[in-house]
Amino acid sequence: MRPFPTLIALSAAAAFGGFAATGLNEVLQQPAQAAPSAAAAVPAAAALPTAVDGQVLPSLAPMLKRVTPAVVSVYSRQTVRVASPLGPFGDDPVFRRIFGIPDMPRERVERALGSGVIVDAARGYVLTNHHVVENADGVSVTLSDGRQVEAEFIGSDPDTDIALIRIPTPGLTAVPMANSDQLQVGDFVVAMGNPYGLGQTVTSGIVSAVGRSGIPVAGYQNFIQTDASINPGNSGGALVDLQGRLVGINTASFNPRGSMAGNIGLGFAIPINMARGIMDQLIANGGVVRRGTFGVEAQDVDERSARGLGLDAPRGALVTRVYPGSAAATAGLQPGDVVTAANGQRIDNRAALHNFEGLQPVGTRVALDVRRDGKPVQLNIALKEGARSAEGATVDARLTGTTLKELDESARQVLRSQGANGGVQVSNVVRDSRAWKSGLRPGDIIVAGSNGEFGDLAGFRATFERKPEQLVLQILRGRGTGRVLMQ
């Protein structure tokens, strides 16, 4: 389970200690069995009572019997090279022979554990978290009946922390999916998974909140918050309702002392509607996700700008730039417009607009509610696909030799938490090229240029609509910052 930084301050979820019997019988309890006759044989062990003082006891057992076979344990393995304690001499066989140093292992296998949910029994599809299988050389799955199966990696999306694997084996059971948009605070839920490698474990609680975002664990967020215990190893497991329908994929927990310190009732799951959309794209697009984009930059609306824009409250995403040829430009969105809703979903700030945008596939048609000069306007936009990388020479000749790429959303959120608007990463620099001689290196993150800040690769391109006479780039390199004058 991936821990949260201690800077996050979230209100504690209300503790949930158990189910009240009244009102839950229809969902939780099968009809009580008739009492055995006096002539019946006495059982070897006493059965649990089904009623006390005439009141039928609620139980999750009937539902769990149906769902448990669909929840699996996921084990990933990665081979990593071991650095020699002798430095470069450790790999020299002559050096080792002269000094009598025996051969040492060059590699070791690191293992990680998590959980998964079978969502398509016929095709063997299993949903889990990206961070469970990230960089894995191999993934195996243990079914609830004890069978161990090697899994095939289909694809993953680090920006939503969703991964899809396949287990080609017969006799699988899938869990039906619910409509997670219908979840409400207070609904009872059950978390299932493989915490700490103990094996299949079930915990229960309620939905503490829905639509949680601003949590630096994945880029695009719409988390279900629950007080059902989610611990390390639960990642990728099932969050189900009392009817045994999948409502979310368990992803993260929060504890100020770190996730290994235990659960304190703050767990987070990816809504199944969101996970299902990512899964469909991974299947259709050969293991990758193609996201649509509006092609705009925006900022939050503060109280001062709200008054100037004729708004009733400081709410919405203020459009500051529309990229030429973008979906927004085609639809007529203009700088100065304030986006207040998208497809009926309330947009409170820039982050909400960006989050909505990042969850939509290419070609999605979006109805935007906009305030323009204090008056309501509605625009219909068909999202286009944005470029994920570009050769620097196509942006400006002074960047010749570089390859630029989009940051993943987690990195972009970290930058924004540090006050930067966003950025692009230098993925490669050809040695002795023009950009190399100016000082750019692979891994540098460009956060601003001579014409100002930008949010992403399209924004970086847009800053070159007017070519600066002197090009100075502000970069992050490791933990340091600096400026590079491009010649």
Protein backbone atom coordinates (compact mmCIF):
# COMPACT_ATOMS: atom_id res chain seq x y z
CA MET A 1 0.00 0.00 0.00
CA ARG A 2 1.42 3.33 -1.00
CA PRO A 3 1.76 5.81 1.95
CA PHE A 4 0.76 9.49 1.81
CA PRO A 5 3.14 12.32 2.77
CA THR A 6 2.61 13.59 6.27
CA LEU A 7 1.73 17.06 4.97
CA ILE A 8 -1.73 15.88 3.97
CA ALA A 9 -4.33 16.92 6.50
CA LEU A 10 -7.53 14.97 6.17
CA SER A 11 -10.40 14.81 8.60
CA ALA A 12 -10.63 11.43 10.33
CA ALA A 13 -13.42 9.16 9.16
CA ALA A 14 -16.00 8.23 11.79
CA ALA A 15 -15.19 4.89 13.41
CA PHE A 16 -17.47 2.02 12.37
CA GLY A 17 -17.69 -0.70 14.93
CA GLY A 18 -20.33 -3.09 13.60
CA PHE A 19 -23.69 -3.47 11.95
CA ALA A 20 -26.96 -2.91 13.79
CA ALA A 21 -29.24 -5.86 13.36
CA THR A 22 -32.36 -3.81 12.72
CA GLY A 23 -33.03 -3.05 9.06
CA LEU A 24 -30.19 -5.13 7.59
CA ASN A 25 -31.79 -8.56 7.52
CA GLU A 26 -33.04 -8.40 3.92
CA VAL A 27 -29.53 -7.71 2.60
CA LEU A 28 -27.31 -9.60 4.98
CA GLN A 29 -29.07 -12.72 6.16
CA GLN A 30 -30.39 -15.80 4.42
CA PRO A 31 -33.59 -17.27 5.91
CA ALA A 32 -32.92 -18.95 9.23
CA GLN A 33 -32.67 -22.73 9.17
CA ALA A 34 -35.33 -24.68 10.96
CA ALA A 35 -34.25 -26.07 14.31
CA PRO A 36 -33.14 -29.74 14.13
CA SER A 37 -35.48 -32.34 15.51
CA ALA A 38 -34.74 -34.08 18.77
CA ALA A 39 -33.95 -37.24 16.81
CA ALA A 40 -31.21 -35.52 14.81
CA ALA A 41 -27.64 -36.48 15.54
CA VAL A 42 -25.75 -34.11 17.86
CA PRO A 43 -23.11 -32.19 15.80
CA ALA A 44 -19.45 -32.59 16.65
CA ALA A 45 -19.07 -28.81 17.11
CA ALA A 46 -21.63 -26.19 18.04
CA ALA A 47 -22.78 -23.99 15.16
CA LEU A 48 -22.90 -20.21 15.47
CA PRO A 49 -26.36 -18.98 16.54
CA THR A 50 -28.52 -17.45 13.83
CA ALA A 51 -30.76 -15.61 16.29
CA VAL A 52 -30.70 -14.25 19.83
CA ASP A 53 -33.95 -13.63 21.73
CA GLY A 54 -35.85 -14.03 18.48
CA GLN A 55 -33.81 -11.39 16.63
CA VAL A 56 -32.10 -12.70 13.48
CA LEU A 57 -28.40 -11.82 13.46
CA PRO A 58 -26.99 -10.06 10.39
CA SER A 59 -24.12 -11.72 8.56
CA LEU A 60 -21.95 -10.88 5.56
CA ALA A 61 -21.07 -14.56 5.07
CA PRO A 62 -23.58 -15.38 2.30
CA MET A 63 -22.44 -12.44 0.19
CA LEU A 64 -18.75 -13.12 0.83
CA LYS A 65 -19.10 -16.73 -0.32
CA ARG A 66 -20.11 -15.37 -3.74
CA VAL A 67 -17.45 -12.64 -3.95
CA THR A 68 -14.39 -14.28 -2.34
CA PRO A 69 -13.44 -16.44 -5.37
CA ALA A 70 -13.08 -13.26 -7.47
CA VAL A 71 -10.46 -11.66 -5.20
CA VAL A 72 -6.87 -12.82 -5.76
CA SER A 73 -3.41 -12.27 -4.31
CA VAL A 74 -0.91 -10.69 -6.72
CA TYR A 75 2.85 -11.22 -6.44
CA SER A 76 5.27 -9.31 -8.66
CA ARG A 77 9.01 -9.84 -9.01
CA GLN A 78 11.75 -7.65 -10.41
CA THR A 79 15.42 -8.47 -10.99
CA VAL A 80 17.73 -5.63 -9.96
CA ARG A 81 21.49 -5.35 -10.28
CA VAL A 82 23.44 -5.38 -7.01
CA ALA A 83 26.17 -2.76 -6.72
CA SER A 84 29.49 -4.19 -5.67
CA PRO A 85 30.80 -2.88 -2.31
CA LEU A 86 34.22 -2.77 -3.99
CA GLY A 87 33.04 -0.29 -6.62
CA PRO A 88 34.22 -0.82 -10.22
CA PHE A 89 36.95 -3.23 -9.06
CA GLY A 90 34.29 -5.65 -7.83
CA ASP A 91 33.48 -6.66 -11.42
CA ASP A 92 37.11 -7.20 -12.39
CA PRO A 93 37.90 -10.96 -12.26
CA VAL A 94 41.68 -10.30 -12.22
CA PHE A 95 41.32 -8.00 -9.20
CA ARG A 96 39.22 -10.59 -7.37
CA ARG A 97 41.67 -13.40 -8.18
CA ILE A 98 44.75 -11.41 -7.02
CA PHE A 99 43.16 -10.55 -3.69
CA GLY A 100 41.31 -13.83 -3.22
CA ILE A 101 37.86 -12.27 -3.33
CA PRO A 102 35.13 -14.80 -4.22
CA ASP A 103 32.49 -14.09 -6.83
CA MET A 104 29.54 -12.17 -5.48
CA PRO A 105 25.93 -12.18 -6.74
CA ARG A 106 25.38 -9.54 -9.40
CA GLU A 107 21.60 -9.53 -9.17
CA ARG A 108 18.82 -10.06 -6.69
CA VAL A 109 15.09 -10.56 -7.08
CA GLU A 110 12.83 -8.06 -5.33
CA ARG A 111 9.24 -9.11 -4.67
CA ALA A 112 6.12 -7.08 -4.01
CA LEU A 113 2.67 -8.18 -2.98
CA GLY A 114 -0.79 -6.83 -3.57
CA SER A 115 -4.27 -7.88 -4.52
CA GLY A 116 -6.46 -8.04 -7.60
CA VAL A 117 -10.06 -8.52 -8.69
CA ILE A 118 -11.30 -10.80 -11.46
CA VAL A 119 -13.70 -8.69 -13.52
CA ASP A 120 -14.07 -10.90 -16.61
CA ALA A 121 -14.01 -14.65 -15.97
CA ALA A 122 -14.26 -15.67 -19.63
CA ARG A 123 -11.22 -13.65 -20.70
CA GLY A 124 -9.37 -13.89 -17.38
CA TYR A 125 -9.04 -10.14 -16.84
CA VAL A 126 -7.87 -9.00 -13.41
CA LEU A 127 -7.80 -5.37 -12.26
CA THR A 128 -5.09 -4.26 -9.84
CA ASN A 129 -2.98 -1.19 -9.09
CA HIS A 130 -0.17 0.07 -11.33
CA HIS A 131 2.15 0.37 -8.35
CA VAL A 132 1.66 -3.32 -7.54
CA VAL A 133 3.10 -4.47 -10.89
CA GLU A 134 5.26 -1.46 -11.80
CA ASN A 135 8.53 -2.47 -13.52
CA ALA A 136 7.85 -6.14 -12.78
CA ASP A 137 9.66 -8.83 -14.74
CA GLY A 138 6.88 -11.26 -13.91
CA VAL A 139 3.56 -11.41 -12.08
CA SER A 140 1.88 -14.43 -10.49
CA VAL A 141 -1.58 -14.75 -9.04
CA THR A 142 -2.84 -16.98 -6.25
CA LEU A 143 -6.56 -17.78 -6.47
CA SER A 144 -8.81 -18.26 -3.46
CA ASP A 145 -8.77 -22.05 -4.06
CA GLY A 146 -4.97 -22.08 -3.78
CA ARG A 147 -4.12 -22.35 -7.48
CA GLN A 148 -1.07 -20.33 -8.57
CA VAL A 149 -1.05 -18.92 -12.10
CA GLU A 150 1.46 -16.86 -14.06
CA ALA A 151 -0.24 -13.69 -15.29
CA GLU A 152 0.07 -11.88 -18.61
CA PHE A 153 0.59 -8.12 -18.38
CA ILE A 154 -1.95 -6.26 -20.57
CA GLY A 155 -1.16 -2.66 -19.68
CA SER A 156 -1.25 -0.02 -16.99
CA ASP A 157 -1.86 3.67 -16.43
CA PRO A 158 0.37 5.31 -13.79
CA ASP A 159 -1.69 8.51 -13.84
CA THR A 160 -4.72 6.70 -12.36
CA ASP A 161 -2.76 3.81 -10.74
CA ILE A 162 -4.77 1.18 -12.64
CA ALA A 163 -3.26 -1.95 -14.20
CA LEU A 164 -4.80 -4.85 -16.10
CA ILE A 165 -3.40 -8.39 -16.14
CA ARG A 166 -4.79 -11.65 -17.53
CA ILE A 167 -4.74 -15.16 -16.12
CA PRO A 168 -5.41 -17.81 -18.78
CA THR A 169 -7.04 -20.45 -16.63
CA PRO A 170 -10.50 -22.05 -16.51
CA GLY A 171 -12.96 -22.07 -13.66
CA LEU A 172 -12.71 -18.39 -12.73
CA THR A 173 -15.35 -16.34 -10.94
CA ALA A 174 -15.82 -12.63 -11.62
CA VAL A 175 -17.39 -10.03 -9.37
CA PRO A 176 -20.20 -7.94 -10.93
CA MET A 177 -19.57 -4.20 -11.20
CA ALA A 178 -21.85 -1.59 -9.66
CA ASN A 179 -22.41 2.01 -10.73
CA SER A 180 -20.02 3.82 -8.39
CA ASP A 181 -21.58 7.19 -9.29
CA GLN A 182 -24.52 6.13 -7.12
CA LEU A 183 -22.41 5.70 -3.97
CA GLN A 184 -23.36 7.94 -1.06
CA VAL A 185 -21.63 8.88 2.15
CA GLY A 186 -22.80 6.41 4.77
CA ASP A 187 -23.22 3.42 2.45
CA PHE A 188 -21.81 0.21 3.95
CA VAL A 189 -18.83 -1.28 2.11
CA VAL A 190 -16.45 -4.23 2.50
CA ALA A 191 -12.73 -4.22 1.62
CA MET A 192 -11.13 -7.48 0.50
CA GLY A 193 -7.48 -8.24 -0.22
CA ASN A 194 -4.15 -9.67 0.89
CA PRO A 195 -2.84 -7.36 3.66
CA TYR A 196 0.77 -7.98 4.73
CA GLY A 197 0.71 -11.19 2.68
CA LEU A 198 -1.54 -12.89 5.22
CA GLY A 199 -3.93 -14.09 2.54
CA GLN A 200 -7.53 -13.25 1.86
CA THR A 201 -8.85 -10.87 4.48
CA VAL A 202 -12.15 -9.01 4.82
CA THR A 203 -12.83 -5.73 6.65
CA SER A 204 -15.99 -3.62 6.75
CA GLY A 205 -16.91 0.03 7.14
CA ILE A 206 -18.79 2.85 5.47
CA VAL A 207 -18.17 5.31 2.67
CA SER A 208 -16.69 8.30 4.50
CA ALA A 209 -16.53 10.63 1.48
CA VAL A 210 -16.69 10.55 -2.31
CA GLY A 211 -14.90 12.56 -4.96
CA ARG A 212 -11.71 13.01 -2.92
CA SER A 213 -8.85 14.66 -4.84
CA GLY A 214 -5.69 16.64 -4.12
CA ILE A 215 -4.00 13.55 -2.68
CA PRO A 216 -0.49 12.94 -4.13
CA VAL A 217 -0.82 9.22 -4.76
CA ALA A 218 -1.96 9.32 -8.40
CA GLY A 219 -2.34 12.03 -10.98
CA TYR A 220 -6.05 11.98 -11.84
CA GLN A 221 -8.21 11.44 -8.78
CA ASN A 222 -11.80 10.89 -7.75
CA PHE A 223 -11.29 8.67 -4.70
CA ILE A 224 -13.82 6.93 -2.52
CA GLN A 225 -12.78 7.43 1.11
CA THR A 226 -13.68 4.65 3.53
CA ASP A 227 -12.99 3.62 7.10
CA ALA A 228 -12.91 -0.06 6.13
CA SER A 229 -9.35 -1.12 7.02
CA ILE A 230 -6.97 -0.95 4.04
CA ASN A 231 -3.41 -1.99 4.84
CA PRO A 232 -0.21 -2.74 2.88
CA GLY A 233 -1.01 -5.60 0.51
CA ASN A 234 -4.64 -4.53 0.06
CA SER A 235 -3.65 -2.47 -2.99
CA GLY A 236 -5.63 -3.62 -6.01
CA GLY A 237 -8.21 -5.46 -3.91
CA ALA A 238 -11.97 -5.15 -4.02
CA LEU A 239 -14.24 -2.64 -2.34
CA VAL A 240 -17.76 -4.08 -2.61
CA ASP A 241 -21.23 -3.08 -1.46
CA LEU A 242 -23.51 -5.27 0.62
CA GLN A 243 -24.92 -6.87 -2.53
CA GLY A 244 -21.46 -8.11 -3.46
CA ARG A 245 -21.00 -5.68 -6.34
CA LEU A 246 -17.63 -4.08 -7.05
CA VAL A 247 -17.67 -0.33 -6.31
CA GLY A 248 -13.95 0.41 -6.15
CA ILE A 249 -10.33 -0.78 -6.33
CA ASN A 250 -8.49 -0.37 -3.01
CA THR A 251 -5.45 1.84 -3.56
CA ALA A 252 -4.03 3.70 -0.57
CA SER A 253 -4.27 4.44 3.13
CA PHE A 254 -3.15 7.35 5.25
CA ASN A 255 -1.32 7.29 8.55
CA PRO A 256 0.87 10.19 9.78
CA ARG A 257 3.49 7.61 10.84
CA GLY A 258 3.46 5.83 7.47
CA SER A 259 1.30 3.05 6.07
CA MET A 260 3.30 0.32 7.86
CA ALA A 261 2.19 1.83 11.17
CA GLY A 262 -1.31 0.50 10.57
CA ASN A 263 -4.77 1.62 9.57
CA ILE A 264 -6.45 4.60 11.24
CA GLY A 265 -9.65 4.61 9.22
CA LEU A 266 -8.50 6.65 6.24
CA GLY A 267 -8.53 4.41 3.19
CA PHE A 268 -8.97 5.31 -0.47
CA ALA A 269 -10.30 3.38 -3.44
CA ILE A 270 -10.59 4.18 -7.15
CA PRO A 271 -14.27 4.23 -8.21
CA ILE A 272 -15.03 1.26 -10.46
CA ASN A 273 -16.60 3.49 -13.13
CA MET A 274 -13.24 5.23 -13.49
CA ALA A 275 -11.29 1.94 -13.38
CA ARG A 276 -13.60 0.36 -15.94
CA GLY A 277 -13.03 3.25 -18.36
CA ILE A 278 -9.26 2.86 -18.03
CA MET A 279 -9.54 -0.92 -18.46
CA ASP A 280 -11.57 -0.50 -21.67
CA GLN A 281 -8.89 1.81 -23.07
CA LEU A 282 -6.06 -0.56 -22.12
CA ILE A 283 -7.83 -3.37 -23.97
CA ALA A 284 -8.77 -1.28 -27.02
CA ASN A 285 -5.47 0.62 -27.38
CA GLY A 286 -2.94 -2.14 -26.91
CA GLY A 287 -2.18 -1.51 -23.26
CA VAL A 288 -2.05 2.30 -23.30
CA VAL A 289 -4.46 5.11 -22.44
CA ARG A 290 -5.20 7.87 -24.94
CA ARG A 291 -6.45 10.95 -23.14
CA GLY A 292 -8.40 13.80 -24.63
CA THR A 293 -7.50 17.42 -23.97
CA PHE A 294 -9.24 20.78 -24.18
CA GLY A 295 -6.03 22.56 -25.13
CA VAL A 296 -6.22 25.34 -22.55
CA GLU A 297 -4.40 26.72 -19.55
CA ALA A 298 -6.40 27.97 -16.59
CA GLN A 299 -6.07 29.38 -13.10
CA ASP A 300 -8.19 29.51 -9.96
CA VAL A 301 -10.74 32.27 -9.45
CA ASP A 302 -10.07 34.37 -6.35
CA GLU A 303 -12.45 36.85 -4.73
CA ARG A 304 -11.00 39.83 -6.55
CA SER A 305 -11.21 38.27 -10.01
CA ALA A 306 -14.70 36.92 -9.22
CA ARG A 307 -15.96 40.48 -8.70
CA GLY A 308 -14.32 41.66 -11.90
CA LEU A 309 -15.81 38.77 -13.88
CA GLY A 310 -19.32 39.28 -12.49
CA LEU A 311 -19.39 35.99 -10.59
CA ASP A 312 -21.49 35.36 -7.49
CA ALA A 313 -18.66 33.44 -5.78
CA PRO A 314 -14.93 32.74 -6.32
CA ARG A 315 -15.54 29.42 -8.04
CA GLY A 316 -14.54 27.96 -11.40
CA ALA A 317 -11.52 27.66 -13.70
CA LEU A 318 -10.50 30.92 -15.39
CA VAL A 319 -9.17 30.26 -18.90
CA THR A 320 -5.92 32.17 -19.41
CA ARG A 321 -4.73 30.66 -22.71
CA VAL A 322 -6.33 28.71 -25.56
CA TYR A 323 -3.90 26.83 -27.79
CA PRO A 324 -4.30 27.41 -31.53
CA GLY A 325 -5.93 24.47 -33.31
CA SER A 326 -7.04 22.89 -30.01
CA ALA A 327 -10.45 21.43 -29.26
CA ALA A 328 -11.27 24.50 -27.16
CA ALA A 329 -10.28 26.88 -29.96
CA THR A 330 -12.48 24.99 -32.43
CA ALA A 331 -15.45 25.20 -30.04
CA GLY A 332 -14.97 28.93 -29.39
CA LEU A 333 -13.67 28.93 -25.82
CA GLN A 334 -11.86 32.20 -25.12
CA PRO A 335 -9.34 33.57 -22.61
CA GLY A 336 -11.32 35.19 -19.82
CA ASP A 337 -14.07 32.55 -19.88
CA VAL A 338 -14.77 30.86 -16.55
CA VAL A 339 -15.63 27.15 -16.71
CA THR A 340 -18.10 26.27 -13.95
CA ALA A 341 -19.27 22.78 -15.00
CA ALA A 342 -18.39 20.00 -17.45
CA ASN A 343 -21.06 17.48 -18.46
CA GLY A 344 -22.99 18.61 -15.41
CA GLN A 345 -20.07 18.02 -13.05
CA ARG A 346 -19.23 21.05 -10.93
CA ILE A 347 -15.84 22.64 -11.64
CA ASP A 348 -14.56 24.60 -8.63
CA ASN A 349 -11.00 25.40 -9.70
CA ARG A 350 -8.20 24.73 -12.19
CA ALA A 351 -7.34 21.36 -10.63
CA ALA A 352 -10.94 20.16 -11.00
CA LEU A 353 -10.99 21.05 -14.69
CA HIS A 354 -7.65 19.33 -15.27
CA ASN A 355 -8.78 16.25 -13.36
CA PHE A 356 -12.02 16.03 -15.37
CA GLU A 357 -10.10 16.43 -18.63
CA GLY A 358 -7.58 13.73 -17.76
CA LEU A 359 -10.28 11.11 -17.20
CA GLN A 360 -11.86 11.51 -20.64
CA PRO A 361 -10.82 9.42 -23.67
CA VAL A 362 -10.05 11.00 -27.03
CA GLY A 363 -13.19 12.02 -28.90
CA THR A 364 -15.36 12.51 -25.81
CA ARG A 365 -17.97 15.23 -26.33
CA VAL A 366 -18.16 17.60 -23.37
CA ALA A 367 -20.79 20.21 -22.60
CA LEU A 368 -19.04 23.09 -20.81
CA ASP A 369 -20.97 25.58 -18.71
CA VAL A 370 -19.12 28.88 -19.02
CA ARG A 371 -19.49 32.39 -17.67
CA ARG A 372 -18.47 35.01 -20.24
CA ASP A 373 -18.73 38.71 -19.35
CA GLY A 374 -20.97 37.70 -16.46
CA LYS A 375 -23.44 35.83 -18.69
CA PRO A 376 -23.95 32.04 -18.95
CA VAL A 377 -22.76 30.34 -22.14
CA GLN A 378 -22.72 26.64 -23.03
CA LEU A 379 -20.15 25.19 -25.43
CA ASN A 380 -19.88 21.67 -26.85
CA ILE A 381 -16.33 20.40 -27.28
CA ALA A 382 -14.98 17.17 -28.82
CA LEU A 383 -11.71 16.41 -27.04
CA LYS A 384 -8.58 15.91 -29.13
CA GLU A 385 -5.45 13.94 -28.30
CA GLY A 386 -2.43 15.91 -27.19
CA ALA A 387 1.14 15.03 -28.14
CA ARG A 388 3.05 13.18 -25.41
CA SER A 389 6.52 13.98 -26.74
CA ALA A 390 8.26 16.26 -29.24
CA GLU A 391 11.66 16.89 -30.73
CA GLY A 392 13.07 20.12 -29.32
CA ALA A 393 14.07 21.38 -32.78
CA THR A 394 10.37 21.56 -33.76
CA VAL A 395 9.81 24.01 -30.89
CA ASP A 396 12.92 26.20 -31.25
CA ALA A 397 16.23 25.71 -33.03
CA ARG A 398 18.09 26.37 -29.79
CA LEU A 399 16.59 23.16 -28.41
CA THR A 400 18.06 21.04 -31.21
CA GLY A 401 19.21 17.68 -29.90
CA THR A 402 16.58 17.31 -27.17
CA THR A 403 13.54 15.10 -26.90
CA LEU A 404 10.84 16.55 -24.65
CA LYS A 405 8.03 14.61 -23.02
CA GLU A 406 5.02 15.20 -20.81
CA LEU A 407 5.42 14.76 -17.06
CA ASP A 408 3.31 12.09 -15.46
CA GLU A 409 0.53 13.52 -13.33
CA SER A 410 2.10 12.57 -10.00
CA ALA A 411 5.24 14.56 -10.85
CA ARG A 412 3.14 17.49 -12.08
CA GLN A 413 1.20 17.55 -8.80
CA VAL A 414 4.44 17.59 -6.83
CA LEU A 415 5.66 20.56 -8.89
CA ARG A 416 2.41 22.42 -8.32
CA SER A 417 2.63 21.79 -4.59
CA GLN A 418 6.00 23.55 -4.77
CA GLY A 419 4.48 26.56 -6.54
CA ALA A 420 5.30 25.65 -10.15
CA ASN A 421 2.54 25.65 -12.76
CA GLY A 422 3.78 22.42 -14.34
CA GLY A 423 6.54 21.61 -16.78
CA VAL A 424 8.04 19.27 -19.36
CA GLN A 425 10.84 16.76 -18.98
CA VAL A 426 13.95 16.46 -21.10
CA SER A 427 13.96 12.74 -21.85
CA ASN A 428 17.06 12.74 -24.03
CA VAL A 429 19.85 15.07 -25.18
CA VAL A 430 22.15 14.11 -28.04
CA ARG A 431 25.76 14.47 -26.87
CA ASP A 432 27.56 17.48 -28.39
CA SER A 433 24.31 18.81 -29.87
CA ARG A 434 23.38 22.47 -29.63
CA ALA A 435 21.25 21.88 -26.54
CA TRP A 436 23.96 19.72 -24.92
CA LYS A 437 26.56 22.45 -25.36
CA SER A 438 24.18 24.94 -23.72
CA GLY A 439 23.97 22.69 -20.65
CA LEU A 440 20.70 20.73 -20.89
CA ARG A 441 20.87 17.14 -19.69
CA PRO A 442 18.52 14.11 -19.72
CA GLY A 443 16.16 14.19 -16.74
CA ASP A 444 16.03 17.99 -16.48
CA ILE A 445 12.54 19.37 -15.89
CA ILE A 446 11.83 22.71 -17.57
CA VAL A 447 9.32 24.70 -15.50
CA ALA A 448 9.54 28.14 -17.15
CA GLY A 449 11.12 29.96 -20.08
CA SER A 450 11.76 33.49 -21.27
CA ASN A 451 8.07 33.90 -22.12
CA GLY A 452 6.76 32.67 -18.77
CA GLU A 453 5.45 29.53 -17.12
CA PHE A 454 3.41 26.75 -18.74
CA GLY A 455 1.54 23.66 -17.64
CA ASP A 456 2.45 20.99 -20.16
CA LEU A 457 4.05 20.29 -23.53
CA ALA A 458 1.34 22.10 -25.48
CA GLY A 459 1.74 25.09 -23.18
CA PHE A 460 5.51 25.02 -23.66
CA ARG A 461 5.00 25.13 -27.43
CA ALA A 462 2.54 27.99 -27.06
CA THR A 463 5.14 30.14 -25.28
CA PHE A 464 7.14 30.11 -28.51
CA GLU A 465 4.43 31.72 -30.62
CA ARG A 466 6.59 34.81 -30.15
CA LYS A 467 10.21 33.67 -30.36
CA PRO A 468 12.29 35.21 -27.55
CA GLU A 469 15.52 36.87 -28.60
CA GLN A 470 17.24 35.37 -25.58
CA LEU A 471 16.06 31.96 -24.42
CA VAL A 472 16.61 31.29 -20.73
CA LEU A 473 15.11 28.13 -19.23
CA GLN A 474 14.41 27.60 -15.55
CA ILE A 475 15.06 23.95 -14.74
CA LEU A 476 14.93 21.46 -11.90
CA ARG A 477 17.78 18.95 -11.78
CA GLY A 478 17.62 16.47 -8.94
CA ARG A 479 16.95 18.56 -5.84
CA GLY A 480 18.48 21.72 -7.26
CA THR A 481 17.15 24.53 -9.43
CA GLY A 482 18.93 26.74 -11.94
CA ARG A 483 18.79 28.65 -15.20
CA VAL A 484 20.25 27.66 -18.54
CA LEU A 485 20.97 30.16 -21.32
CA MET A 486 20.29 28.42 -24.63
CA GLN A 487 22.73 29.45 -27.37
